[in-house]
C-alpha atoms as a PDB file:
ATOM      1  CA  MET A   1      -0.020  -0.172  -0.088  1.00  0.00           C
ATOM      2  CA  SER A   2       2.752   2.396  -0.868  1.00  0.00           C
ATOM      3  CA  LEU A   3       1.828   5.544  -3.039  1.00  0.00           C
ATOM      4  CA  VAL A   4       5.410   6.097  -3.997  1.00  0.00           C
ATOM      5  CA  THR A   5       5.913   4.739  -7.540  1.00  0.00           C
ATOM      6  CA  LEU A   6       9.209   4.903  -8.877  1.00  0.00           C
ATOM      7  CA  THR A   7       9.015   3.878 -12.766  1.00  0.00           C
ATOM      8  CA  ALA A   8      11.784   3.590 -15.430  1.00  0.00           C
ATOM      9  CA  ASN A   9       9.735   4.248 -19.052  1.00  0.00           C
ATOM     10  CA  THR A  10      13.220   3.534 -21.206  1.00  0.00           C
ATOM     11  CA  ALA A  11      16.339   1.715 -20.480  1.00  0.00           C
ATOM     12  CA  ARG A  12      17.849   3.361 -23.595  1.00  0.00           C
ATOM     13  CA  MET A  13      21.546   4.975 -23.236  1.00  0.00           C
ATOM     14  CA  GLY A  14      21.682   8.645 -22.450  1.00  0.00           C
ATOM     15  CA  THR A  15      17.912   9.380 -20.999  1.00  0.00           C
ATOM     16  CA  ARG A  16      16.671   9.002 -17.717  1.00  0.00           C
ATOM     17  CA  GLY A  17      13.356   7.616 -16.670  1.00  0.00           C
ATOM     18  CA  ARG A  18      12.624   7.651 -12.887  1.00  0.00           C
ATOM     19  CA  THR A  19      10.008   9.916 -11.658  1.00  0.00           C
ATOM     20  CA  ILE A  20       8.978   9.749  -8.126  1.00  0.00           C
ATOM     21  CA  SER A  21       4.665  10.147  -8.387  1.00  0.00           C
ATOM     22  CA  ARG A  22       2.842  10.543  -5.506  1.00  0.00           C
ATOM     23  CA  ALA A  23      -0.422  12.336  -5.679  1.00  0.00           C
ATOM     24  CA  GLY A  24      -0.884  12.840  -8.843  1.00  0.00           C
ATOM     25  CA  VAL A  25       2.528  15.235  -8.275  1.00  0.00           C
ATOM     26  CA  ARG A  26       5.650  13.852 -10.185  1.00  0.00           C
ATOM     27  CA  VAL A  27       9.233  14.746  -9.070  1.00  0.00           C
ATOM     28  CA  GLY A  28      12.038  14.210 -11.313  1.00  0.00           C
ATOM     29  CA  PRO A  29      15.367  14.432 -11.244  1.00  0.00           C
ATOM     30  CA  VAL A  30      15.870  18.675 -11.660  1.00  0.00           C
ATOM     31  CA  THR A  31      13.066  18.944  -9.010  1.00  0.00           C
ATOM     32  CA  VAL A  32      15.136  17.298  -6.526  1.00  0.00           C
ATOM     33  CA  ARG A  33      18.492  19.385  -7.600  1.00  0.00           C
ATOM     34  CA  PHE A  34      16.213  22.726  -7.085  1.00  0.00           C
ATOM     35  CA  VAL A  35      14.646  21.762  -3.594  1.00  0.00           C
ATOM     36  CA  PHE A  36      18.729  20.714  -2.794  1.00  0.00           C
ATOM     37  CA  VAL A  37      19.667  23.707  -4.054  1.00  0.00           C
ATOM     38  CA  VAL A  38      17.406  26.192  -2.439  1.00  0.00           C
ATOM     39  CA  THR A  39      17.567  23.544   0.535  1.00  0.00           C
ATOM     40  CA  LEU A  40      21.001  24.640   0.838  1.00  0.00           C
ATOM     41  CA  ALA A  41      20.835  28.393  -0.003  1.00  0.00           C
ATOM     42  CA  LEU A  42      18.646  28.489   2.661  1.00  0.00           C
ATOM     43  CA  LEU A  43      20.886  27.129   5.401  1.00  0.00           C
ATOM     44  CA  ALA A  44      23.523  29.439   4.032  1.00  0.00           C
ATOM     45  CA  LEU A  45      21.081  32.136   4.806  1.00  0.00           C
ATOM     46  CA  PHE A  46      20.719  31.018   8.617  1.00  0.00           C
ATOM     47  CA  TYR A  47      24.428  30.153   9.179  1.00  0.00           C
ATOM     48  CA  LEU A  48      25.240  34.004   7.907  1.00  0.00           C
ATOM     49  CA  VAL A  49      22.406  35.443  10.175  1.00  0.00           C
ATOM     50  CA  GLN A  50      23.680  33.356  12.769  1.00  0.00           C
ATOM     51  CA  SER A  51      27.403  34.495  12.512  1.00  0.00           C
ATOM     52  CA  ASN A  52      26.330  38.214  11.833  1.00  0.00           C
ATOM     53  CA  ARG A  53      24.377  38.219  14.839  1.00  0.00           C
ATOM     54  CA  VAL A  54      27.225  36.497  17.048  1.00  0.00           C
ATOM     55  CA  SER A  55      29.536  39.194  15.576  1.00  0.00           C
ATOM     56  CA  THR A  56      27.575  42.381  16.579  1.00  0.00           C
ATOM     57  CA  GLN A  57      27.237  40.776  20.173  1.00  0.00           C
ATOM     58  CA  ASN A  58      30.888  40.099  20.388  1.00  0.00           C
ATOM     59  CA  LEU A  59      31.423  43.795  19.271  1.00  0.00           C
ATOM     60  CA  GLN A  60      28.900  45.354  21.910  1.00  0.00           C
ATOM     61  CA  LEU A  61      30.336  42.766  24.623  1.00  0.00           C
ATOM     62  CA  LYS A  62      34.024  44.697  23.766  1.00  0.00           C
ATOM     63  CA  ALA A  63      32.681  48.010  24.390  1.00  0.00           C
ATOM     64  CA  LEU A  64      31.001  46.983  27.453  1.00  0.00           C
ATOM     65  CA  GLU A  65      34.384  45.663  28.757  1.00  0.00           C
ATOM     66  CA  ALA A  66      36.401  49.014  27.441  1.00  0.00           C
ATOM     67  CA  GLN A  67      33.817  51.108  29.026  1.00  0.00           C
ATOM     68  CA  LYS A  68      33.637  49.183  32.150  1.00  0.00           C
ATOM     69  CA  ALA A  69      37.991  49.066  32.407  1.00  0.00           C
ATOM     70  CA  ASP A  70      37.455  52.806  31.991  1.00  0.00           C
ATOM     71  CA  ILE A  71      34.479  53.076  35.003  1.00  0.00           C
ATOM     72  CA  ILE A  72      37.107  50.972  37.453  1.00  0.00           C
ATOM     73  CA  GLU A  73      40.132  53.243  36.229  1.00  0.00           C
ATOM     74  CA  GLN A  74      37.933  56.297  37.388  1.00  0.00           C
ATOM     75  CA  ASN A  75      37.187  54.730  40.273  1.00  0.00           C
ATOM     76  CA  GLU A  76      40.176  54.038  41.688  1.00  0.00           C
ATOM     77  CA  ARG A  77      41.616  57.733  40.775  1.00  0.00           C
ATOM     78  CA  LEU A  78      38.404  59.117  42.374  1.00  0.00           C
ATOM     79  CA  SER A  79      39.496  56.909  45.716  1.00  0.00           C
ATOM     80  CA  THR A  80      42.988  58.175  45.721  1.00  0.00           C
ATOM     81  CA  GLU A  81      42.014  61.831  45.303  1.00  0.00           C
ATOM     82  CA  ALA A  82      39.696  61.280  48.259  1.00  0.00           C
ATOM     83  CA  ALA A  83      41.897  59.681  50.494  1.00  0.00           C
ATOM     84  CA  ARG A  84      44.757  62.087  49.609  1.00  0.00           C
ATOM     85  CA  LEU A  85      42.078  65.176  50.527  1.00  0.00           C
ATOM     86  CA  GLN A  86      40.587  63.461  53.621  1.00  0.00           C
ATOM     87  CA  SER A  87      44.423  63.159  54.617  1.00  0.00           C
ATOM     88  CA  LEU A  88      44.751  66.795  53.962  1.00  0.00           C
ATOM     89  CA  GLN A  89      42.034  68.229  55.919  1.00  0.00           C
ATOM     90  CA  GLN A  90      43.405  65.133  58.758  1.00  0.00           C
ATOM     91  CA  ILE A  91      46.606  66.997  58.408  1.00  0.00           C
ATOM     92  CA  LYS A  92      44.961  70.202  58.426  1.00  0.00           C
ATOM     93  CA  LYS A  93      42.888  69.403  61.494  1.00  0.00           C
ATOM     94  CA  SER A  94      45.242  68.060  64.068  1.00  0.00           C
ATOM     95  CA  GLY A  95      48.342  70.732  63.323  1.00  0.00           C
ATOM     96  CA  ASP A  96      46.165  73.862  64.103  1.00  0.00           C
ATOM     97  CA  GLY A  97      48.162  75.225  67.571  1.00  0.00           C
ATOM     98  CA  LYS A  98      50.568  72.143  67.468  1.00  0.00           C
ATOM     99  CA  LEU A  99      53.192  73.115  65.002  1.00  0.00           C
ATOM    100  CA  THR A 100      55.310  76.299  65.441  1.00  0.00           C
ATOM    101  CA  PRO A 101      58.410  77.337  62.980  1.00  0.00           C
ATOM    102  CA  GLY A 102      61.088  76.128  64.898  1.00  0.00           C
ATOM    103  CA  ARG A 103      59.456  72.611  65.723  1.00  0.00           C
ATOM    104  CA  THR A 104      58.877  69.597  62.923  1.00  0.00           C
ATOM    105  CA  ALA A 105      55.758  67.311  61.974  1.00  0.00           C
ATOM    106  CA  ALA A 106      57.749  64.782  63.887  1.00  0.00           C
ATOM    107  CA  ASP A 107      58.525  66.629  67.184  1.00  0.00           C
ATOM    108  CA  ALA A 108      55.124  68.058  67.354  1.00  0.00           C
ATOM    109  CA  TYR A 109      53.581  64.074  67.268  1.00  0.00           C
ATOM    110  CA  ALA A 110      56.538  62.554  69.594  1.00  0.00           C
ATOM    111  CA  SER A 111      55.290  64.762  72.623  1.00  0.00           C
END
């Protein structure tokens, strides 16, 4: 009870007579080649779309990593600057009235 039949009309040299017939639709070698080429083209298109998407995401990732590195560097600079300013304020607070022109900072802390 097969709906697919293979027929060979002639056995002459140089001609192909193989067709597949199913429910009134005949599929010959040209149709099979055409379907194969179209399928291959669709697979190639799918591959190109996916590789383009991955490439775009890779570029975005590199840009974000560079931005992250810049922000980390800026954070370190600002932390250093804040520590320096706090240190200057502490020196100014602790040094008010303790240092005299003849004494050094080491002498002031020793007493």
